[in-house]
Amino acid sequence: MNPIYLDNAATTKIDKEVVKTMQPYLEEFYGNPSSVHVKGQETKLAIEKARKTIADSINANSEEIFFTSGGSESNNWALKGLFFEYSPKKNHLITTKIEHDSIINPCKWIEKKGGKITYLDVDKEGFINLKKLKKSLTPKTFLISIMHANNEIGTIQNLDEIGKIAKEKGILFHSDAAQSYTKIPIDTKKIKIDLMTINSHKIYGPKGVGALYIKEGTKINPLIHGGGHERKKRSGTENVAGIVGFSKAVEISKKFDYKKISRLRNRLMEGILNSIPNTKLNGPRENRLPNNVNISFKNCEGEALGAYLENKGIYVSTGSACMSNTDAESHVLKAIGLNPKEQDSTIRFTLGKDTTEKDINYVLKILPEIVEKMRKIGGLK
């Protein structure tokens, strides 16, 4: 049996069409986009074509898309760049307790530099309270940064309502949309949003490339200084092949059937909950990423369960891939009320465009046997 890859929230397999599109920009079209000669202008043109494709995907203007090395850089730039721009006059930022580490850790850095951060609580399904968000606003608040969809438990926040709250007070709004981009429609002309993080390797594109949407007229300091690339906002010679590949990934994403993926997700989710006793779904049933299933298995150590599954050719995650090489607890699972023992017994399954019903049937056949075996051995102490 072929390996069953259910860790698409960590990264996706680059699509063959994307690889084919990138190849000429690794071999034939190799000029520096800043060069004025023909070889440079070839790659410059490719970048601008890609910029338009990505801008169109969120109903933005091409001039509002700035290429970066990925989601982490985009998030860091949004928070630090705006902090540098507005402090010390305005130094208060509002975020949540379930953001990606590339938001949480820049916030901690900003605090060390004199900034003030409000970390909003979430309910047991991972949703923020909009009334508490309103109450957290102060005259010194310069930014609200709340992710669109959570990478661990799949919770989708209401960007429209958050944006309205921000605009009522004249406060900037940023969202990390790395997990939701192309899976859930986002229209920057309808949602009152000022900055948005997107990246490539979550949508079957290459690693090491992403973008930050910055609404026209938004003032922000550069994070990287140098030759003034990306309209003097983000210096560094552009990753031409990566950008072209990113654009192609966006283009082909229109063909993916997320209703089918959602149906397979529901089959996996309900199959686990109905066939394995003492299991718990983390995150909501509704307003959830179409490919995300996060389950706690009582008396099963998550890392061991993941290893058993890998031995059977099934690849999953015990949480955020960014934290998988550390012993740190999941701040997301903690925020929704799970104790350390429950966190340690949690597995995340994230489906992809190539996931089949046969794959799901195999998982539902193998998983109960493994869980039963582990519980007989003793599970968690």
Protein backbone atom coordinates (compact mmCIF):
# COMPACT_ATOMS: atom_id res chain seq x y z
CA MET A 1 0.00 0.00 0.00
CA ASN A 2 1.23 3.48 -0.85
CA PRO A 3 1.98 5.80 2.08
CA ILE A 4 -1.03 7.76 3.33
CA TYR A 5 0.02 11.35 4.00
CA LEU A 6 -2.33 13.08 6.45
CA ASP A 7 -0.06 15.93 7.57
CA ASN A 8 -0.96 18.51 4.94
CA ALA A 9 -1.21 21.32 7.51
CA ALA A 10 2.53 20.91 8.08
CA THR A 11 3.33 21.01 4.37
CA THR A 12 1.93 19.73 1.10
CA LYS A 13 3.58 17.74 -1.66
CA ILE A 14 4.56 20.10 -4.46
CA ASP A 15 2.31 19.56 -7.47
CA LYS A 16 3.85 18.22 -10.69
CA GLU A 17 2.42 21.14 -12.67
CA VAL A 18 4.14 23.52 -10.26
CA VAL A 19 7.50 21.76 -10.66
CA LYS A 20 7.14 21.88 -14.45
CA THR A 21 6.34 25.59 -14.36
CA MET A 22 9.32 26.36 -12.12
CA GLN A 23 11.91 24.40 -14.11
CA PRO A 24 12.64 27.02 -16.80
CA TYR A 25 13.28 29.62 -14.08
CA LEU A 26 15.96 27.39 -12.57
CA GLU A 27 17.73 26.83 -15.88
CA GLU A 28 16.82 29.07 -18.83
CA PHE A 29 15.43 32.24 -17.25
CA TYR A 30 18.08 32.94 -14.63
CA GLY A 31 18.56 36.70 -14.79
CA ASN A 32 18.39 39.00 -11.78
CA PRO A 33 14.99 40.77 -11.88
CA SER A 34 16.71 44.04 -10.94
CA SER A 35 18.94 43.94 -14.04
CA VAL A 36 17.90 46.17 -16.94
CA HIS A 37 19.01 43.79 -19.69
CA VAL A 38 16.77 41.24 -21.39
CA LYS A 39 17.68 38.35 -19.08
CA GLY A 40 16.70 40.45 -16.07
CA GLN A 41 13.48 41.73 -17.61
CA GLU A 42 12.38 38.17 -18.42
CA THR A 43 12.33 37.27 -14.76
CA LYS A 44 10.93 40.65 -13.73
CA LEU A 45 7.98 40.07 -16.05
CA ALA A 46 7.42 36.59 -14.58
CA ILE A 47 7.34 38.03 -11.06
CA GLU A 48 4.80 40.69 -11.99
CA LYS A 49 2.61 38.14 -13.74
CA ALA A 50 2.71 35.97 -10.60
CA ARG A 51 1.96 38.97 -8.41
CA LYS A 52 -1.22 39.66 -10.39
CA THR A 53 -2.38 36.04 -10.19
CA ILE A 54 -1.97 36.03 -6.42
CA ALA A 55 -3.56 39.47 -6.04
CA ASP A 56 -6.56 38.40 -8.11
CA SER A 57 -7.05 35.35 -5.87
CA ILE A 58 -7.94 37.64 -2.94
CA ASN A 59 -9.41 40.50 -5.00
CA ALA A 60 -6.47 42.77 -4.25
CA ASN A 61 -4.37 45.09 -6.40
CA SER A 62 -1.01 43.81 -7.63
CA GLU A 63 0.77 46.65 -5.83
CA GLU A 64 -0.60 45.30 -2.53
CA ILE A 65 1.26 41.96 -2.77
CA PHE A 66 4.81 41.81 -1.36
CA PHE A 67 6.78 38.58 -1.72
CA THR A 68 8.60 37.14 1.31
CA SER A 69 10.35 33.92 2.27
CA GLY A 70 7.15 32.47 3.76
CA GLY A 71 4.49 32.78 6.41
CA SER A 72 6.82 33.29 9.36
CA GLU A 73 8.58 36.23 7.72
CA SER A 74 5.26 37.77 6.67
CA ASN A 75 3.89 37.51 10.21
CA ASN A 76 7.06 38.94 11.72
CA TRP A 77 7.06 41.79 9.23
CA ALA A 78 3.42 42.66 9.86
CA LEU A 79 3.84 42.87 13.65
CA LYS A 80 7.34 44.30 13.96
CA GLY A 81 7.05 46.59 10.95
CA LEU A 82 3.90 48.21 12.31
CA PHE A 83 5.33 48.39 15.84
CA PHE A 84 8.37 50.24 14.51
CA GLU A 85 6.07 52.53 12.53
CA TYR A 86 3.66 53.48 15.34
CA SER A 87 5.54 53.20 18.64
CA PRO A 88 6.00 54.79 21.09
CA LYS A 89 2.88 56.88 20.43
CA LYS A 90 0.87 53.71 19.91
CA ASN A 91 2.31 50.52 21.33
CA HIS A 92 -0.63 48.19 22.08
CA LEU A 93 -1.35 45.07 20.02
CA ILE A 94 -4.21 42.59 20.39
CA THR A 95 -3.89 38.94 19.40
CA THR A 96 -5.09 35.55 20.69
CA LYS A 97 -3.69 32.72 22.76
CA ILE A 98 -3.95 30.28 19.84
CA GLU A 99 -1.88 32.06 17.19
CA HIS A 100 0.98 30.43 15.32
CA ASP A 101 4.38 30.74 16.98
CA SER A 102 5.42 33.23 14.30
CA ILE A 103 2.86 35.59 15.87
CA ILE A 104 3.28 34.63 19.54
CA ASN A 105 7.08 34.93 19.59
CA PRO A 106 7.22 38.33 17.80
CA CYS A 107 4.65 39.53 20.35
CA LYS A 108 6.97 38.43 23.17
CA TRP A 109 9.81 40.28 21.44
CA ILE A 110 7.66 43.42 21.13
CA GLU A 111 6.89 43.23 24.85
CA LYS A 112 10.62 43.29 25.57
CA LYS A 113 10.86 46.45 23.46
CA GLY A 114 8.20 48.22 25.52
CA GLY A 115 5.09 47.15 23.67
CA LYS A 116 1.89 46.04 25.36
CA ILE A 117 0.15 42.86 24.20
CA THR A 118 -3.36 41.60 24.97
CA TYR A 119 -3.69 37.84 24.40
CA LEU A 120 -7.39 37.11 24.02
CA ASP A 121 -8.83 33.95 25.52
CA VAL A 122 -10.78 31.55 23.34
CA ASP A 123 -13.66 29.22 24.17
CA LYS A 124 -13.40 25.41 24.19
CA GLU A 125 -13.78 25.34 20.41
CA GLY A 126 -11.14 28.02 19.80
CA PHE A 127 -13.36 31.01 19.03
CA ILE A 128 -12.68 34.50 20.36
CA ASN A 129 -15.32 36.58 22.11
CA LEU A 130 -16.01 39.68 20.01
CA LYS A 131 -17.29 41.65 23.02
CA LYS A 132 -14.00 40.99 24.85
CA LEU A 133 -12.12 42.09 21.75
CA LYS A 134 -13.97 45.41 21.79
CA LYS A 135 -13.28 45.87 25.51
CA SER A 136 -9.57 45.27 24.95
CA LEU A 137 -9.18 48.24 22.61
CA THR A 138 -7.34 51.28 23.95
CA PRO A 139 -6.31 54.65 22.49
CA LYS A 140 -2.80 53.15 22.10
CA THR A 141 -3.92 50.08 20.11
CA PHE A 142 -2.29 50.11 16.68
CA LEU A 143 -3.06 46.56 15.54
CA ILE A 144 -5.38 43.58 15.89
CA SER A 145 -3.73 40.37 14.64
CA ILE A 146 -6.00 37.33 14.62
CA MET A 147 -5.49 34.27 12.47
CA HIS A 148 -8.15 33.24 9.99
CA ALA A 149 -7.97 29.49 10.65
CA ASN A 150 -6.05 27.66 13.33
CA ASN A 151 -3.33 25.27 12.21
CA GLU A 152 -3.92 22.74 15.00
CA ILE A 153 -7.68 22.58 15.61
CA GLY A 154 -9.02 24.13 12.40
CA THR A 155 -11.16 26.86 13.98
CA ILE A 156 -12.19 29.56 11.48
CA GLN A 157 -12.60 33.03 12.98
CA ASN A 158 -15.08 35.61 11.70
CA LEU A 159 -12.76 38.01 9.87
CA ASP A 160 -15.66 40.15 8.67
CA GLU A 161 -16.82 41.02 12.19
CA ILE A 162 -13.27 41.50 13.49
CA GLY A 163 -12.53 43.83 10.60
CA LYS A 164 -15.63 45.92 11.34
CA ILE A 165 -14.57 46.32 14.97
CA ALA A 166 -11.08 47.39 13.91
CA LYS A 167 -12.35 49.94 11.39
CA GLU A 168 -14.83 51.48 13.84
CA LYS A 169 -11.84 52.54 15.93
CA GLY A 170 -9.41 53.24 13.10
CA ILE A 171 -7.16 50.33 14.09
CA LEU A 172 -5.22 48.18 11.62
CA PHE A 173 -6.22 44.54 11.20
CA HIS A 174 -3.85 41.73 10.20
CA SER A 175 -4.70 38.06 9.76
CA ASP A 176 -2.50 35.02 9.33
CA ALA A 177 -4.31 33.16 6.55
CA ALA A 178 -1.58 30.61 5.83
CA GLN A 179 -3.86 27.65 6.57
CA SER A 180 -7.05 28.99 5.01
CA TYR A 181 -5.68 30.55 1.82
CA THR A 182 -7.32 29.00 -1.29
CA LYS A 183 -9.38 26.64 0.92
CA ILE A 184 -11.77 29.39 2.01
CA PRO A 185 -12.59 32.39 -0.22
CA ILE A 186 -11.13 35.69 1.02
CA ASP A 187 -12.10 39.00 -0.60
CA THR A 188 -9.98 41.91 0.60
CA LYS A 189 -12.43 44.37 -0.92
CA LYS A 190 -15.29 43.04 1.21
CA ILE A 191 -13.46 42.23 4.46
CA LYS A 192 -12.07 45.30 6.20
CA ILE A 193 -8.55 43.93 6.43
CA ASP A 194 -5.24 45.79 6.11
CA LEU A 195 -2.62 43.04 6.09
CA MET A 196 -2.77 39.31 5.43
CA THR A 197 -0.19 36.54 5.49
CA ILE A 198 -0.26 33.82 2.84
CA ASN A 199 2.29 31.23 1.77
CA SER A 200 3.06 28.64 -0.86
CA HIS A 201 3.98 25.32 0.72
CA LYS A 202 0.55 24.83 2.33
CA ILE A 203 -1.09 24.87 -1.11
CA TYR A 204 1.11 22.44 -3.12
CA GLY A 205 3.70 25.06 -4.01
CA PRO A 206 7.41 25.27 -3.14
CA LYS A 207 8.75 25.95 0.34
CA GLY A 208 10.56 29.18 1.12
CA VAL A 209 8.17 31.63 -0.52
CA GLY A 210 5.10 33.53 0.67
CA ALA A 211 3.59 36.97 0.60
CA LEU A 212 2.20 39.72 2.75
CA TYR A 213 -0.85 41.58 1.49
CA ILE A 214 -0.57 45.22 2.57
CA LYS A 215 -3.56 47.40 1.76
CA GLU A 216 -2.65 50.46 -0.28
CA GLY A 217 -1.89 53.42 1.95
CA THR A 218 -0.85 51.35 4.97
CA LYS A 219 2.36 52.63 6.53
CA ILE A 220 4.84 49.96 7.60
CA ASN A 221 8.58 49.85 8.23
CA PRO A 222 10.67 47.35 6.25
CA LEU A 223 11.97 44.39 8.21
CA ILE A 224 14.83 43.70 5.78
CA HIS A 225 16.97 46.52 4.42
CA GLY A 226 19.22 46.35 1.38
CA GLY A 227 18.76 47.19 -2.27
CA GLY A 228 15.15 48.31 -1.98
CA HIS A 229 13.45 45.42 -3.73
CA GLU A 230 9.66 44.93 -3.61
CA ARG A 231 9.04 48.67 -4.00
CA LYS A 232 11.52 49.47 -1.21
CA LYS A 233 9.55 47.42 1.30
CA ARG A 234 11.38 44.06 1.35
CA SER A 235 14.99 43.95 0.15
CA GLY A 236 16.66 40.87 -1.26
CA THR A 237 16.90 39.38 -4.74
CA GLU A 238 13.59 37.70 -5.43
CA ASN A 239 13.17 33.93 -5.41
CA VAL A 240 11.96 33.90 -9.01
CA ALA A 241 11.38 30.16 -9.42
CA GLY A 242 9.65 30.03 -6.03
CA ILE A 243 7.39 32.96 -6.87
CA VAL A 244 6.46 31.45 -10.24
CA GLY A 245 5.73 28.14 -8.50
CA PHE A 246 3.64 29.90 -5.84
CA SER A 247 1.58 31.54 -8.56
CA LYS A 248 1.03 28.25 -10.37
CA ALA A 249 -0.09 26.62 -7.11
CA VAL A 250 -2.66 29.38 -6.67
CA GLU A 251 -3.81 28.94 -10.26
CA ILE A 252 -4.38 25.19 -9.99
CA SER A 253 -6.00 25.46 -6.55
CA LYS A 254 -9.22 26.42 -8.33
CA LYS A 255 -9.49 22.81 -9.52
CA PHE A 256 -9.40 21.24 -6.06
CA ASP A 257 -12.68 19.85 -4.71
CA TYR A 258 -12.78 20.98 -1.09
CA LYS A 259 -16.37 19.76 -0.73
CA LYS A 260 -15.06 16.27 -1.39
CA ILE A 261 -12.19 16.79 1.05
CA SER A 262 -14.69 18.02 3.63
CA ARG A 263 -16.83 14.90 3.15
CA LEU A 264 -13.77 12.67 3.62
CA ARG A 265 -12.83 14.69 6.70
CA ASN A 266 -16.30 14.14 8.16
CA ARG A 267 -16.08 10.44 7.42
CA LEU A 268 -12.72 10.20 9.21
CA MET A 269 -13.89 12.34 12.12
CA GLU A 270 -17.16 10.52 12.70
CA GLY A 271 -15.55 7.16 12.05
CA ILE A 272 -12.97 7.70 14.79
CA LEU A 273 -15.44 9.10 17.30
CA ASN A 274 -17.97 6.32 16.68
CA SER A 275 -15.59 3.36 16.52
CA ILE A 276 -13.07 4.23 19.25
CA PRO A 277 -14.37 4.88 22.79
CA ASN A 278 -12.94 7.65 24.99
CA THR A 279 -12.04 9.95 22.14
CA LYS A 280 -12.66 13.68 21.94
CA LEU A 281 -12.81 16.07 18.99
CA ASN A 282 -10.82 19.27 19.52
CA GLY A 283 -12.17 22.35 17.77
CA PRO A 284 -15.63 22.93 16.29
CA ARG A 285 -17.74 20.75 14.01
CA GLU A 286 -18.87 23.80 12.07
CA ASN A 287 -16.69 26.72 10.93
CA ARG A 288 -13.73 24.38 10.67
CA LEU A 289 -11.06 23.96 8.00
CA PRO A 290 -12.32 21.42 5.45
CA ASN A 291 -9.30 19.14 5.88
CA ASN A 292 -8.66 19.25 9.64
CA VAL A 293 -9.39 16.54 12.25
CA ASN A 294 -7.87 16.85 15.73
CA ILE A 295 -8.62 14.06 18.19
CA SER A 296 -7.55 13.25 21.75
CA PHE A 297 -7.31 9.52 22.52
CA LYS A 298 -7.62 8.85 26.24
CA ASN A 299 -4.80 6.69 27.62
CA CYS A 300 -2.77 6.81 24.42
CA GLU A 301 0.50 8.72 24.20
CA GLY A 302 0.35 10.79 21.03
CA GLU A 303 3.97 10.40 19.89
CA ALA A 304 3.78 6.62 20.30
CA LEU A 305 0.45 6.50 18.47
CA GLY A 306 1.98 8.54 15.64
CA ALA A 307 4.90 6.11 15.46
CA TYR A 308 2.57 3.09 15.29
CA LEU A 309 0.64 4.76 12.48
CA GLU A 310 3.85 5.58 10.61
CA ASN A 311 4.83 1.92 10.85
CA LYS A 312 1.60 1.18 8.99
CA GLY A 313 2.36 3.81 6.34
CA ILE A 314 0.15 6.57 7.77
CA TYR A 315 1.75 9.97 8.38
CA VAL A 316 0.10 12.31 10.91
CA SER A 317 1.14 14.97 13.41
CA THR A 318 0.91 15.31 17.16
CA GLY A 319 0.23 19.05 16.78
CA SER A 320 1.89 21.93 15.03
CA ALA A 321 4.84 20.77 12.94
CA CYS A 322 6.69 23.86 14.13
CA MET A 323 6.70 22.42 17.65
CA SER A 324 7.14 18.72 16.84
CA ASN A 325 10.86 18.69 17.63
CA THR A 326 10.46 20.17 21.08
CA ASP A 327 8.99 19.07 24.40
CA ALA A 328 6.90 22.23 24.67
CA GLU A 329 3.21 21.82 25.36
CA SER A 330 0.68 22.93 22.78
CA HIS A 331 -0.38 26.46 23.68
CA VAL A 332 -3.42 25.97 21.42
CA LEU A 333 -4.68 22.85 23.18
CA LYS A 334 -3.95 24.46 26.54
CA ALA A 335 -5.95 27.53 25.56
CA ILE A 336 -9.05 25.43 24.78
CA GLY A 337 -8.83 23.74 28.17
CA LEU A 338 -6.92 20.51 27.64
CA ASN A 339 -4.66 19.41 30.49
CA PRO A 340 -1.10 18.17 29.78
CA LYS A 341 -2.19 14.53 29.76
CA GLU A 342 -4.90 15.26 27.19
CA GLN A 343 -2.48 17.29 25.09
CA ASP A 344 -0.05 14.39 25.07
CA SER A 345 -2.76 12.08 23.74
CA THR A 346 -3.72 14.22 20.75
CA ILE A 347 -3.28 13.52 17.05
CA ARG A 348 -3.90 15.88 14.13
CA PHE A 349 -4.97 14.47 10.77
CA THR A 350 -4.98 16.91 7.85
CA LEU A 351 -6.24 15.70 4.50
CA GLY A 352 -5.11 16.87 1.09
CA LYS A 353 -6.20 16.96 -2.54
CA ASP A 354 -4.85 13.45 -3.12
CA THR A 355 -6.56 11.84 -0.12
CA THR A 356 -8.96 9.10 -1.21
CA GLU A 357 -11.86 7.23 0.34
CA LYS A 358 -9.65 4.14 0.25
CA ASP A 359 -7.10 5.99 2.39
CA ILE A 360 -9.73 6.94 4.96
CA ASN A 361 -11.11 3.40 5.06
CA TYR A 362 -7.62 2.05 5.71
CA VAL A 363 -7.04 4.50 8.56
CA LEU A 364 -10.40 3.62 10.11
CA LYS A 365 -9.49 -0.07 9.89
CA ILE A 366 -5.98 0.24 11.37
CA LEU A 367 -6.44 2.99 13.97
CA PRO A 368 -8.88 1.22 16.34
CA GLU A 369 -6.60 -1.83 16.46
CA ILE A 370 -3.59 0.33 17.35
CA VAL A 371 -5.45 2.30 20.02
CA GLU A 372 -6.81 -0.88 21.61
CA LYS A 373 -3.33 -2.40 21.63
CA MET A 374 -1.81 0.71 23.23
CA ARG A 375 -4.47 0.88 25.90
CA LYS A 376 -3.89 -2.77 26.78
CA ILE A 377 -0.17 -2.08 27.14
CA GLY A 378 -0.96 0.62 29.66
CA GLY A 379 -1.31 4.01 27.95
CA LEU A 380 -0.41 7.08 29.89
CA LYS A 381 0.68 6.75 33.49
